[in-house]
Amino acid sequence: MLGLRTTIYKVSDLQKAKEWYSKAFETKAYFDEVFYVGFSIQGYELGLLPEEKSEKKSDNVLSYWGVEGIEETHNRFIKLGATEHEKPNNVGGELMVASVRDPWNNVIGFIYNPYFKLPE
């Protein structure tokens, strides 16, 4: 195993989602086709796929994107049209997590983890 590489969110409107995610993650897509939109978030892949009809979404898998300011990030996503899923909260030591639902009902997690270090 080499570790996580890609998080995929399914959306009903790929063009609108590309615009929303560009604003939310403050980056432009590097791959932009009718079947997939890809963003590089500090070397990790955030992908958007068109969903088939209206797929039911669940909370059973949650990816957390690392952030420095969890309150600020959470609030910025809410201002962009996301809805609250989990308020920022302490989960031990200095660790903080929060999550929102994007306009397509996908759960996006945030984590502040000063202990996390990438392998060298």
Protein backbone atom coordinates (compact mmCIF):
# COMPACT_ATOMS: atom_id res chain seq x y z
CA MET A 1 0.00 0.00 0.00
CA LEU A 2 1.23 3.45 -0.90
CA GLY A 3 -1.39 5.52 0.94
CA LEU A 4 -4.38 7.52 -0.21
CA ARG A 5 -4.20 9.23 -3.58
CA THR A 6 -7.68 10.33 -4.70
CA THR A 7 -11.00 11.42 -3.23
CA ILE A 8 -13.95 11.41 -5.64
CA TYR A 9 -17.19 13.35 -5.27
CA LYS A 10 -20.15 12.59 -7.54
CA VAL A 11 -22.16 15.58 -8.74
CA SER A 12 -25.26 16.17 -10.87
CA ASP A 13 -23.83 19.22 -12.67
CA LEU A 14 -20.15 18.81 -13.47
CA GLN A 15 -19.69 22.37 -14.78
CA LYS A 16 -21.29 24.04 -11.74
CA ALA A 17 -19.41 21.70 -9.41
CA LYS A 18 -16.10 22.52 -11.14
CA GLU A 19 -16.75 26.22 -10.54
CA TRP A 20 -17.81 25.66 -6.92
CA TYR A 21 -14.84 23.42 -6.07
CA SER A 22 -12.45 25.87 -7.77
CA LYS A 23 -13.68 28.59 -5.40
CA ALA A 24 -13.93 26.36 -2.33
CA PHE A 25 -10.44 24.85 -2.69
CA GLU A 26 -8.98 28.01 -4.23
CA THR A 27 -7.47 26.23 -7.24
CA LYS A 28 -8.22 25.49 -10.88
CA ALA A 29 -8.85 22.05 -12.35
CA TYR A 30 -5.83 20.56 -14.08
CA PHE A 31 -7.95 17.93 -15.89
CA ASP A 32 -11.29 19.01 -17.34
CA GLU A 33 -13.34 16.62 -19.46
CA VAL A 34 -17.07 15.83 -19.72
CA PHE A 35 -16.51 12.55 -17.82
CA TYR A 36 -14.13 13.76 -15.07
CA VAL A 37 -12.72 16.93 -13.52
CA GLY A 38 -9.52 16.65 -11.49
CA PHE A 39 -7.87 19.04 -9.05
CA SER A 40 -4.45 18.69 -7.46
CA ILE A 41 -4.68 19.64 -3.80
CA GLN A 42 -1.06 19.79 -2.63
CA GLY A 43 -0.35 16.65 -4.68
CA TYR A 44 -3.52 14.78 -3.72
CA GLU A 45 -6.30 14.22 -6.23
CA LEU A 46 -9.78 15.62 -5.75
CA GLY A 47 -11.97 14.28 -8.53
CA LEU A 48 -15.48 15.08 -9.69
CA LEU A 49 -17.56 12.50 -11.54
CA PRO A 50 -21.02 12.92 -13.05
CA GLU A 51 -23.52 10.99 -10.94
CA GLU A 52 -26.08 8.67 -12.44
CA LYS A 53 -29.52 10.19 -11.89
CA SER A 54 -29.93 11.03 -8.21
CA GLU A 55 -27.70 8.63 -6.32
CA LYS A 56 -28.28 8.25 -2.61
CA LYS A 57 -25.29 9.57 -0.67
CA SER A 58 -24.20 8.20 2.68
CA ASP A 59 -21.83 9.25 5.45
CA ASN A 60 -20.04 5.91 5.74
CA VAL A 61 -16.77 7.12 4.10
CA LEU A 62 -15.30 10.47 5.06
CA SER A 63 -12.10 12.04 3.73
CA TYR A 64 -10.54 14.81 5.76
CA TRP A 65 -8.61 17.54 3.94
CA GLY A 66 -5.82 19.01 6.05
CA VAL A 67 -6.21 22.69 6.94
CA GLU A 68 -4.46 25.19 9.19
CA GLY A 69 -7.49 27.27 10.20
CA ILE A 70 -10.39 24.88 10.66
CA GLU A 71 -12.93 27.49 11.84
CA GLU A 72 -12.08 29.82 8.95
CA THR A 73 -12.19 27.03 6.37
CA HIS A 74 -15.49 25.69 7.71
CA ASN A 75 -17.04 29.17 7.67
CA ARG A 76 -15.75 29.93 4.15
CA PHE A 77 -17.30 26.75 2.74
CA ILE A 78 -20.62 27.59 4.43
CA LYS A 79 -20.52 31.08 2.86
CA LEU A 80 -19.95 29.45 -0.54
CA GLY A 81 -23.16 27.43 -0.20
CA ALA A 82 -22.16 24.30 1.71
CA THR A 83 -24.28 23.22 4.66
CA GLU A 84 -22.99 22.17 8.05
CA HIS A 85 -22.47 18.48 8.65
CA GLU A 86 -20.28 18.62 11.77
CA LYS A 87 -19.21 21.77 13.60
CA PRO A 88 -15.50 22.19 14.28
CA ASN A 89 -14.69 20.23 17.41
CA ASN A 90 -11.71 18.97 19.34
CA VAL A 91 -11.14 15.22 19.12
CA GLY A 92 -8.13 15.03 21.43
CA GLY A 93 -4.98 17.01 22.04
CA GLU A 94 -4.76 19.72 19.39
CA LEU A 95 -6.69 17.67 16.79
CA MET A 96 -9.77 19.37 15.36
CA VAL A 97 -12.25 18.05 12.77
CA ALA A 98 -15.27 19.48 10.99
CA SER A 99 -17.31 18.68 7.91
CA VAL A 100 -19.79 20.22 5.49
CA ARG A 101 -22.06 19.02 2.71
CA ASP A 102 -21.40 20.48 -0.71
CA PRO A 103 -24.36 21.63 -2.87
CA TRP A 104 -24.56 18.04 -4.27
CA ASN A 105 -24.85 16.50 -0.78
CA ASN A 106 -21.29 15.12 -0.62
CA VAL A 107 -19.61 15.27 2.78
CA ILE A 108 -16.28 17.15 2.79
CA GLY A 109 -14.20 16.76 5.94
CA PHE A 110 -11.54 19.10 7.33
CA ILE A 111 -8.87 18.26 9.86
CA TYR A 112 -6.34 20.31 11.75
CA ASN A 113 -3.64 17.85 12.80
CA PRO A 114 -0.32 19.41 13.82
CA TYR A 115 1.04 15.91 14.52
CA PHE A 116 0.66 14.66 10.92
CA LYS A 117 3.88 14.43 8.90
CA LEU A 118 4.27 13.09 5.38
CA PRO A 119 6.77 10.23 5.08
CA GLU A 120 10.15 11.23 3.70
